[in-house]
Each structure stands twice: as C-alpha cells, then as structure tokens.
Amino acid sequence: MSVMKERRSPALIAAGSLLLAALLAAYLGGYFWLGEYEETPGLSGQAELITRGYQSKLVSDVYKPVAWIEEKLRGFTVHTWWMNDPDPFD
C-alpha cells in the first residue's frame, strides 16, 4: 500500500503570502498615516524625540512594537501616546 502525501497547492501558498503582505502593509501604513506626528529638535537641530499620537489607547499600544523598530532604525527616541493620556511621557 502506498501512502500519498497531501501536497499544498502553489496558488494557496501564494495567496497566503499575499494576504500576509497586505496585512503587514496595512499595519505599517496605519502607523505612519493614522497618528499625529511631532518632532522635538535637540541641540544639534536634528530630531531628538519623535511622538506619534493616536485616537485611542488600544491603537497606541498596538503600534508600540513598530515605534520600537523605528527608534532602533532612526536612532531617535520614539514615543506613542493616545489623545486622552493624562501623562503622555510616563
């Protein structure tokens, strides 16, 4: 008796990859376009602190990992906050 292994269709793998890429693009797009952006210049004139404000605490918390990545890539402090936060820099 031969046992046949089930093969995944290349089209299914491509569709799954495309869906993941679209979700990642929407996540990153939301990070950059949904929030209020503000740079605080340092003594050298370049940005020392970048803040991104969002409408809700949930959205602010969802984008914290991307803010951490932006902070490491750009070399500036990046802080996310929500509009009703009583102390945004806590």
PDB file of N, CA and C in Angstrom:
ATOM      1  N   MET A   1       0.832  -1.181   0.000  1.00  0.00           N
ATOM      2  CA  MET A   1       0.000   0.000   0.000  1.00  0.00           C
ATOM      3  C   MET A   1       0.875   1.243   0.000  1.00  0.00           C
ATOM      4  N   SER A   2       0.541   2.151  -0.833  1.00  0.00           N
ATOM      5  CA  SER A   2       1.302   3.408  -0.851  1.00  0.00           C
ATOM      6  C   SER A   2       0.507   4.481  -0.132  1.00  0.00           C
ATOM      7  N   VAL A   3       1.238   5.282   0.582  1.00  0.00           N
ATOM      8  CA  VAL A   3       0.613   6.384   1.308  1.00  0.00           C
ATOM      9  C   VAL A   3       0.904   7.663   0.538  1.00  0.00           C
ATOM     10  N   MET A   4      -0.140   8.309   0.128  1.00  0.00           N
ATOM     11  CA  MET A   4       0.047   9.549  -0.637  1.00  0.00           C
ATOM     12  C   MET A   4       0.054  10.728   0.330  1.00  0.00           C
ATOM     13  N   LYS A   5       1.047  11.544   0.167  1.00  0.00           N
ATOM     14  CA  LYS A   5       1.118  12.751   0.989  1.00  0.00           C
ATOM     15  C   LYS A   5       0.330  13.855   0.307  1.00  0.00           C
ATOM     16  N   GLU A   6      -0.358  14.591   1.122  1.00  0.00           N
ATOM     17  CA  GLU A   6      -1.137  15.701   0.585  1.00  0.00           C
ATOM     18  C   GLU A   6      -0.197  16.851   0.262  1.00  0.00           C
ATOM     19  N   ARG A   7      -0.305  17.370  -0.934  1.00  0.00           N
ATOM     20  CA  ARG A   7       0.535  18.493  -1.351  1.00  0.00           C
ATOM     21  C   ARG A   7      -0.284  19.771  -1.321  1.00  0.00           C
ATOM     22  N   ARG A   8       0.365  20.807  -0.890  1.00  0.00           N
ATOM     23  CA  ARG A   8      -0.301  22.111  -0.885  1.00  0.00           C
ATOM     24  C   ARG A   8      -0.139  22.734  -2.264  1.00  0.00           C
ATOM     25  N   SER A   9      -1.170  23.340  -2.681  1.00  0.00           N
ATOM     26  CA  SER A   9      -1.162  23.992  -3.985  1.00  0.00           C
ATOM     27  C   SER A   9      -0.278  25.232  -3.943  1.00  0.00           C
ATOM     28  N   PRO A  10       0.552  25.443  -4.973  1.00  0.00           N
ATOM     29  CA  PRO A  10       1.363  26.674  -5.009  1.00  0.00           C
ATOM     30  C   PRO A  10       0.497  27.936  -5.005  1.00  0.00           C
ATOM     31  N   ALA A  11      -0.684  27.849  -5.575  1.00  0.00           N
ATOM     32  CA  ALA A  11      -1.579  29.002  -5.585  1.00  0.00           C
ATOM     33  C   ALA A  11      -2.048  29.341  -4.173  1.00  0.00           C
ATOM     34  N   LEU A  12      -2.278  28.330  -3.345  1.00  0.00           N
ATOM     35  CA  LEU A  12      -2.697  28.552  -1.966  1.00  0.00           C
ATOM     36  C   LEU A  12      -1.573  29.205  -1.169  1.00  0.00           C
ATOM     37  N   ILE A  13      -0.358  28.757  -1.365  1.00  0.00           N
ATOM     38  CA  ILE A  13       0.797  29.351  -0.685  1.00  0.00           C
ATOM     39  C   ILE A  13       0.991  30.794  -1.138  1.00  0.00           C
ATOM     40  N   ALA A  14       0.860  31.048  -2.433  1.00  0.00           N
ATOM     41  CA  ALA A  14       0.996  32.412  -2.951  1.00  0.00           C
ATOM     42  C   ALA A  14      -0.107  33.315  -2.396  1.00  0.00           C
ATOM     43  N   ALA A  15      -1.328  32.811  -2.321  1.00  0.00           N
ATOM     44  CA  ALA A  15      -2.440  33.612  -1.792  1.00  0.00           C
ATOM     45  C   ALA A  15      -2.233  33.917  -0.316  1.00  0.00           C
ATOM     46  N   GLY A  16      -1.757  32.946   0.445  1.00  0.00           N
ATOM     47  CA  GLY A  16      -1.476  33.174   1.863  1.00  0.00           C
ATOM     48  C   GLY A  16      -0.361  34.191   2.064  1.00  0.00           C
ATOM     49  N   SER A  17       0.680  34.093   1.255  1.00  0.00           N
ATOM     50  CA  SER A  17       1.788  35.055   1.329  1.00  0.00           C
ATOM     51  C   SER A  17       1.322  36.456   0.958  1.00  0.00           C
ATOM     52  N   LEU A  18       0.486  36.549  -0.054  1.00  0.00           N
ATOM     53  CA  LEU A  18      -0.045  37.846  -0.477  1.00  0.00           C
ATOM     54  C   LEU A  18      -0.923  38.458   0.610  1.00  0.00           C
ATOM     55  N   LEU A  19      -1.724  37.630   1.273  1.00  0.00           N
ATOM     56  CA  LEU A  19      -2.571  38.111   2.363  1.00  0.00           C
ATOM     57  C   LEU A  19      -1.719  38.635   3.525  1.00  0.00           C
ATOM     58  N   LEU A  20      -0.670  37.900   3.889  1.00  0.00           N
ATOM     59  CA  LEU A  20       0.210  38.359   4.962  1.00  0.00           C
ATOM     60  C   LEU A  20       0.912  39.664   4.600  1.00  0.00           C
ATOM     61  N   ALA A  21       1.350  39.786   3.352  1.00  0.00           N
ATOM     62  CA  ALA A  21       1.999  41.022   2.900  1.00  0.00           C
ATOM     63  C   ALA A  21       1.022  42.196   2.937  1.00  0.00           C
ATOM     64  N   ALA A  22      -0.232  41.962   2.551  1.00  0.00           N
ATOM     65  CA  ALA A  22      -1.240  43.026   2.580  1.00  0.00           C
ATOM     66  C   ALA A  22      -1.547  43.459   4.014  1.00  0.00           C
ATOM     67  N   LEU A  23      -1.630  42.501   4.940  1.00  0.00           N
ATOM     68  CA  LEU A  23      -1.877  42.841   6.343  1.00  0.00           C
ATOM     69  C   LEU A  23      -0.717  43.629   6.941  1.00  0.00           C
ATOM     70  N   LEU A  24       0.511  43.248   6.617  1.00  0.00           N
ATOM     71  CA  LEU A  24       1.682  43.975   7.096  1.00  0.00           C
ATOM     72  C   LEU A  24       1.717  45.385   6.524  1.00  0.00           C
ATOM     73  N   ALA A  25       1.386  45.531   5.247  1.00  0.00           N
ATOM     74  CA  ALA A  25       1.357  46.854   4.620  1.00  0.00           C
ATOM     75  C   ALA A  25       0.289  47.743   5.270  1.00  0.00           C
ATOM     76  N   ALA A  26      -0.874  47.172   5.584  1.00  0.00           N
ATOM     77  CA  ALA A  26      -1.930  47.943   6.244  1.00  0.00           C
ATOM     78  C   ALA A  26      -1.507  48.358   7.646  1.00  0.00           C
ATOM     79  N   TYR A  27      -0.830  47.478   8.362  1.00  0.00           N
ATOM     80  CA  TYR A  27      -0.344  47.777   9.720  1.00  0.00           C
ATOM     81  C   TYR A  27       0.670  48.920   9.684  1.00  0.00           C
ATOM     82  N   LEU A  28       1.650  48.820   8.797  1.00  0.00           N
ATOM     83  CA  LEU A  28       2.662  49.871   8.696  1.00  0.00           C
ATOM     84  C   LEU A  28       2.074  51.174   8.170  1.00  0.00           C
ATOM     85  N   GLY A  29       1.169  51.081   7.215  1.00  0.00           N
ATOM     86  CA  GLY A  29       0.512  52.280   6.697  1.00  0.00           C
ATOM     87  C   GLY A  29      -0.280  52.991   7.774  1.00  0.00           C
ATOM     88  N   GLY A  30      -0.978  52.232   8.603  1.00  0.00           N
ATOM     89  CA  GLY A  30      -1.727  52.820   9.710  1.00  0.00           C
ATOM     90  C   GLY A  30      -0.819  53.499  10.711  1.00  0.00           C
ATOM     91  N   TYR A  31       0.338  52.917  10.948  1.00  0.00           N
ATOM     92  CA  TYR A  31       1.298  53.511  11.886  1.00  0.00           C
ATOM     93  C   TYR A  31       1.724  54.899  11.423  1.00  0.00           C
ATOM     94  N   PHE A  32       2.021  55.027  10.144  1.00  0.00           N
ATOM     95  CA  PHE A  32       2.523  56.306   9.640  1.00  0.00           C
ATOM     96  C   PHE A  32       1.421  57.319   9.345  1.00  0.00           C
ATOM     97  N   TRP A  33       0.217  56.874   8.938  1.00  0.00           N
ATOM     98  CA  TRP A  33      -0.799  57.825   8.486  1.00  0.00           C
ATOM     99  C   TRP A  33      -1.918  58.095   9.487  1.00  0.00           C
ATOM    100  N   LEU A  34      -2.125  57.244  10.454  1.00  0.00           N
ATOM    101  CA  LEU A  34      -3.233  57.461  11.391  1.00  0.00           C
ATOM    102  C   LEU A  34      -2.890  58.396  12.539  1.00  0.00           C
ATOM    103  N   GLY A  35      -1.639  58.480  12.891  1.00  0.00           N
ATOM    104  CA  GLY A  35      -1.257  59.246  14.069  1.00  0.00           C
ATOM    105  C   GLY A  35      -0.840  60.673  13.767  1.00  0.00           C
ATOM    106  N   GLU A  36      -0.872  61.479  14.822  1.00  0.00           N
ATOM    107  CA  GLU A  36      -0.322  62.837  14.742  1.00  0.00           C
ATOM    108  C   GLU A  36       1.169  62.744  15.013  1.00  0.00           C
ATOM    109  N   TYR A  37       1.959  63.334  14.145  1.00  0.00           N
ATOM    110  CA  TYR A  37       3.416  63.219  14.193  1.00  0.00           C
ATOM    111  C   TYR A  37       4.025  64.539  14.647  1.00  0.00           C
ATOM    112  N   GLU A  38       4.975  64.453  15.568  1.00  0.00           N
ATOM    113  CA  GLU A  38       5.665  65.663  16.026  1.00  0.00           C
ATOM    114  C   GLU A  38       7.117  65.322  16.347  1.00  0.00           C
ATOM    115  N   GLU A  39       8.030  66.164  15.857  1.00  0.00           N
ATOM    116  CA  GLU A  39       9.453  66.014  16.161  1.00  0.00           C
ATOM    117  C   GLU A  39       9.866  67.110  17.129  1.00  0.00           C
ATOM    118  N   THR A  40      10.650  66.751  18.134  1.00  0.00           N
ATOM    119  CA  THR A  40      11.223  67.717  19.055  1.00  0.00           C
ATOM    120  C   THR A  40      12.718  67.789  18.764  1.00  0.00           C
ATOM    121  N   PRO A  41      13.192  68.935  18.266  1.00  0.00           N
ATOM    122  CA  PRO A  41      14.616  69.016  17.909  1.00  0.00           C
ATOM    123  C   PRO A  41      15.514  69.074  19.139  1.00  0.00           C
ATOM    124  N   GLY A  42      16.682  68.491  18.999  1.00  0.00           N
ATOM    125  CA  GLY A  42      17.685  68.546  20.051  1.00  0.00           C
ATOM    126  C   GLY A  42      18.600  69.737  19.835  1.00  0.00           C
ATOM    127  N   LEU A  43      19.712  69.764  20.525  1.00  0.00           N
ATOM    128  CA  LEU A  43      20.653  70.873  20.416  1.00  0.00           C
ATOM    129  C   LEU A  43      21.303  70.956  19.041  1.00  0.00           C
ATOM    130  N   SER A  44      21.469  69.807  18.383  1.00  0.00           N
ATOM    131  CA  SER A  44      22.106  69.795  17.066  1.00  0.00           C
ATOM    132  C   SER A  44      21.156  70.222  15.954  1.00  0.00           C
ATOM    133  N   GLY A  45      19.878  70.375  16.268  1.00  0.00           N
ATOM    134  CA  GLY A  45      18.897  70.756  15.255  1.00  0.00           C
ATOM    135  C   GLY A  45      18.171  69.563  14.659  1.00  0.00           C
ATOM    136  N   GLN A  46      18.711  68.368  14.855  1.00  0.00           N
ATOM    137  CA  GLN A  46      18.033  67.170  14.383  1.00  0.00           C
ATOM    138  C   GLN A  46      17.033  66.698  15.434  1.00  0.00           C
ATOM    139  N   ALA A  47      16.115  65.854  14.989  1.00  0.00           N
ATOM    140  CA  ALA A  47      15.091  65.347  15.910  1.00  0.00           C
ATOM    141  C   ALA A  47      15.741  64.553  17.036  1.00  0.00           C
ATOM    142  N   GLU A  48      15.323  64.831  18.244  1.00  0.00           N
ATOM    143  CA  GLU A  48      15.797  64.081  19.400  1.00  0.00           C
ATOM    144  C   GLU A  48      14.683  63.190  19.942  1.00  0.00           C
ATOM    145  N   LEU A  49      13.439  63.642  19.778  1.00  0.00           N
ATOM    146  CA  LEU A  49      12.269  62.910  20.246  1.00  0.00           C
ATOM    147  C   LEU A  49      11.195  62.981  19.181  1.00  0.00           C
ATOM    148  N   ILE A  50      10.636  61.837  18.845  1.00  0.00           N
ATOM    149  CA  ILE A  50       9.520  61.766  17.899  1.00  0.00           C
ATOM    150  C   ILE A  50       8.327  61.225  18.663  1.00  0.00           C
ATOM    151  N   THR A  51       7.202  61.912  18.587  1.00  0.00           N
ATOM    152  CA  THR A  51       5.978  61.427  19.226  1.00  0.00           C
ATOM    153  C   THR A  51       4.930  61.174  18.164  1.00  0.00           C
ATOM    154  N   ARG A  52       4.185  60.117  18.351  1.00  0.00           N
ATOM    155  CA  ARG A  52       3.073  59.770  17.459  1.00  0.00           C
ATOM    156  C   ARG A  52       1.835  59.583  18.336  1.00  0.00           C
ATOM    157  N   GLY A  53       0.844  60.435  18.140  1.00  0.00           N
ATOM    158  CA  GLY A  53      -0.377  60.379  18.933  1.00  0.00           C
ATOM    159  C   GLY A  53      -1.506  59.726  18.173  1.00  0.00           C
ATOM    160  N   TYR A  54      -2.263  58.880  18.841  1.00  0.00           N
ATOM    161  CA  TYR A  54      -3.383  58.162  18.238  1.00  0.00           C
ATOM    162  C   TYR A  54      -4.655  58.420  19.013  1.00  0.00           C
ATOM    163  N   GLN A  55      -5.801  58.103  18.413  1.00  0.00           N
ATOM    164  CA  GLN A  55      -7.108  58.410  18.989  1.00  0.00           C
ATOM    165  C   GLN A  55      -7.458  57.556  20.206  1.00  0.00           C
ATOM    166  N   SER A  56      -6.886  56.367  20.320  1.00  0.00           N
ATOM    167  CA  SER A  56      -7.237  55.509  21.458  1.00  0.00           C
ATOM    168  C   SER A  56      -5.998  54.830  22.027  1.00  0.00           C
ATOM    169  N   LYS A  57      -6.120  54.401  23.255  1.00  0.00           N
ATOM    170  CA  LYS A  57      -5.014  53.709  23.928  1.00  0.00           C
ATOM    171  C   LYS A  57      -4.714  52.387  23.240  1.00  0.00           C
ATOM    172  N   LEU A  58      -5.746  51.688  22.786  1.00  0.00           N
ATOM    173  CA  LEU A  58      -5.555  50.416  22.103  1.00  0.00           C
ATOM    174  C   LEU A  58      -4.689  50.579  20.860  1.00  0.00           C
ATOM    175  N   VAL A  59      -4.995  51.581  20.051  1.00  0.00           N
ATOM    176  CA  VAL A  59      -4.219  51.814  18.832  1.00  0.00           C
ATOM    177  C   VAL A  59      -2.789  52.188  19.188  1.00  0.00           C
ATOM    178  N   SER A  60      -2.625  53.021  20.195  1.00  0.00           N
ATOM    179  CA  SER A  60      -1.285  53.399  20.636  1.00  0.00           C
ATOM    180  C   SER A  60      -0.487  52.178  21.081  1.00  0.00           C
ATOM    181  N   ASP A  61      -1.119  51.292  21.829  1.00  0.00           N
ATOM    182  CA  ASP A  61      -0.440  50.078  22.289  1.00  0.00           C
ATOM    183  C   ASP A  61      -0.129  49.112  21.142  1.00  0.00           C
ATOM    184  N   VAL A  62      -1.021  49.037  20.160  1.00  0.00           N
ATOM    185  CA  VAL A  62      -0.801  48.142  19.018  1.00  0.00           C
ATOM    186  C   VAL A  62       0.427  48.576  18.212  1.00  0.00           C
ATOM    187  N   TYR A  63       0.676  49.894  18.146  1.00  0.00           N
ATOM    188  CA  TYR A  63       1.794  50.388  17.345  1.00  0.00           C
ATOM    189  C   TYR A  63       3.104  50.533  18.129  1.00  0.00           C
ATOM    190  N   LYS A  64       3.138  50.176  19.400  1.00  0.00           N
ATOM    191  CA  LYS A  64       4.386  50.268  20.171  1.00  0.00           C
ATOM    192  C   LYS A  64       5.532  49.426  19.590  1.00  0.00           C
ATOM    193  N   PRO A  65       5.280  48.199  19.106  1.00  0.00           N
ATOM    194  CA  PRO A  65       6.394  47.445  18.510  1.00  0.00           C
ATOM    195  C   PRO A  65       7.010  48.131  17.288  1.00  0.00           C
ATOM    196  N   VAL A  66       6.189  48.749  16.460  1.00  0.00           N
ATOM    197  CA  VAL A  66       6.719  49.447  15.286  1.00  0.00           C
ATOM    198  C   VAL A  66       7.478  50.699  15.716  1.00  0.00           C
ATOM    199  N   ALA A  67       7.009  51.369  16.764  1.00  0.00           N
ATOM    200  CA  ALA A  67       7.726  52.537  17.280  1.00  0.00           C
ATOM    201  C   ALA A  67       9.103  52.124  17.797  1.00  0.00           C
ATOM    202  N   TRP A  68       9.182  50.972  18.433  1.00  0.00           N
ATOM    203  CA  TRP A  68      10.465  50.469  18.918  1.00  0.00           C
ATOM    204  C   TRP A  68      11.417  50.204  17.747  1.00  0.00           C
ATOM    205  N   ILE A  69      10.891  49.606  16.660  1.00  0.00           N
ATOM    206  CA  ILE A  69      11.713  49.349  15.473  1.00  0.00           C
ATOM    207  C   ILE A  69      12.160  50.663  14.840  1.00  0.00           C
ATOM    208  N   GLU A  70      11.248  51.641  14.730  1.00  0.00           N
ATOM    209  CA  GLU A  70      11.612  52.946  14.177  1.00  0.00           C
ATOM    210  C   GLU A  70      12.701  53.605  15.027  1.00  0.00           C
ATOM    211  N   GLU A  71      12.589  53.467  16.339  1.00  0.00           N
ATOM    212  CA  GLU A  71      13.574  54.040  17.259  1.00  0.00           C
ATOM    213  C   GLU A  71      14.960  53.438  17.007  1.00  0.00           C
ATOM    214  N   LYS A  72      15.024  52.124  16.825  1.00  0.00           N
ATOM    215  CA  LYS A  72      16.309  51.463  16.592  1.00  0.00           C
ATOM    216  C   LYS A  72      16.876  51.816  15.221  1.00  0.00           C
ATOM    217  N   LEU A  73      16.023  51.931  14.211  1.00  0.00           N
ATOM    218  CA  LEU A  73      16.498  52.229  12.862  1.00  0.00           C
ATOM    219  C   LEU A  73      16.932  53.681  12.691  1.00  0.00           C
ATOM    220  N   ARG A  74      16.202  54.612  13.291  1.00  0.00           N
ATOM    221  CA  ARG A  74      16.494  56.037  13.095  1.00  0.00           C
ATOM    222  C   ARG A  74      17.422  56.614  14.149  1.00  0.00           C
ATOM    223  N   GLY A  75      17.541  55.961  15.300  1.00  0.00           N
ATOM    224  CA  GLY A  75      18.431  56.439  16.346  1.00  0.00           C
ATOM    225  C   GLY A  75      17.859  57.563  17.192  1.00  0.00           C
ATOM    226  N   PHE A  76      16.563  57.795  17.114  1.00  0.00           N
ATOM    227  CA  PHE A  76      15.880  58.810  17.917  1.00  0.00           C
ATOM    228  C   PHE A  76      14.946  58.109  18.891  1.00  0.00           C
ATOM    229  N   THR A  77      14.563  58.792  19.948  1.00  0.00           N
ATOM    230  CA  THR A  77      13.550  58.266  20.852  1.00  0.00           C
ATOM    231  C   THR A  77      12.186  58.449  20.198  1.00  0.00           C
ATOM    232  N   VAL A  78      11.414  57.372  20.108  1.00  0.00           N
ATOM    233  CA  VAL A  78      10.072  57.418  19.509  1.00  0.00           C
ATOM    234  C   VAL A  78       9.082  57.006  20.584  1.00  0.00           C
ATOM    235  N   HIS A  79       8.063  57.829  20.776  1.00  0.00           N
ATOM    236  CA  HIS A  79       7.069  57.600  21.825  1.00  0.00           C
ATOM    237  C   HIS A  79       5.681  57.642  21.214  1.00  0.00           C
ATOM    238  N   THR A  80       4.853  56.621  21.496  1.00  0.00           N
ATOM    239  CA  THR A  80       3.446  56.656  21.074  1.00  0.00           C
ATOM    240  C   THR A  80       2.592  57.016  22.277  1.00  0.00           C
ATOM    241  N   TRP A  81       1.524  57.737  22.033  1.00  0.00           N
ATOM    242  CA  TRP A  81       0.615  58.137  23.105  1.00  0.00           C
ATOM    243  C   TRP A  81      -0.788  58.226  22.534  1.00  0.00           C
ATOM    244  N   TRP A  82      -1.766  58.295  23.398  1.00  0.00           N
ATOM    245  CA  TRP A  82      -3.146  58.440  22.947  1.00  0.00           C
ATOM    246  C   TRP A  82      -3.665  59.799  23.374  1.00  0.00           C
ATOM    247  N   MET A  83      -4.616  60.316  22.652  1.00  0.00           N
ATOM    248  CA  MET A  83      -5.062  61.696  22.784  1.00  0.00           C
ATOM    249  C   MET A  83      -5.546  62.061  24.186  1.00  0.00           C
ATOM    250  N   ASN A  84      -6.120  61.130  24.928  1.00  0.00           N
ATOM    251  CA  ASN A  84      -6.644  61.431  26.259  1.00  0.00           C
ATOM    252  C   ASN A  84      -5.711  60.984  27.375  1.00  0.00           C
ATOM    253  N   ASP A  85      -4.465  60.699  27.036  1.00  0.00           N
ATOM    254  CA  ASP A  85      -3.488  60.245  28.020  1.00  0.00           C
ATOM    255  C   ASP A  85      -3.179  61.399  28.974  1.00  0.00           C
ATOM    256  N   PRO A  86      -3.397  61.223  30.298  1.00  0.00           N
ATOM    257  CA  PRO A  86      -3.144  62.337  31.225  1.00  0.00           C
ATOM    258  C   PRO A  86      -1.660  62.692  31.325  1.00  0.00           C
ATOM    259  N   ASP A  87      -0.764  61.714  31.146  1.00  0.00           N
ATOM    260  CA  ASP A  87       0.670  61.972  31.196  1.00  0.00           C
ATOM    261  C   ASP A  87       1.320  61.180  30.056  1.00  0.00           C
ATOM    262  N   PRO A  88       1.425  61.777  28.862  1.00  0.00           N
ATOM    263  CA  PRO A  88       1.893  61.017  27.696  1.00  0.00           C
ATOM    264  C   PRO A  88       3.350  60.549  27.802  1.00  0.00           C
ATOM    265  N   PHE A  89       4.142  61.129  28.675  1.00  0.00           N
ATOM    266  CA  PHE A  89       5.547  60.747  28.745  1.00  0.00           C
ATOM    267  C   PHE A  89       5.857  59.921  29.983  1.00  0.00           C
ATOM    268  N   ASP A  90       4.842  59.329  30.563  1.00  0.00           N
ATOM    269  CA  ASP A  90       5.017  58.472  31.744  1.00  0.00           C
ATOM    270  C   ASP A  90       5.466  57.101  31.319  1.00  0.00           C
TER     271      ASP A  90
END
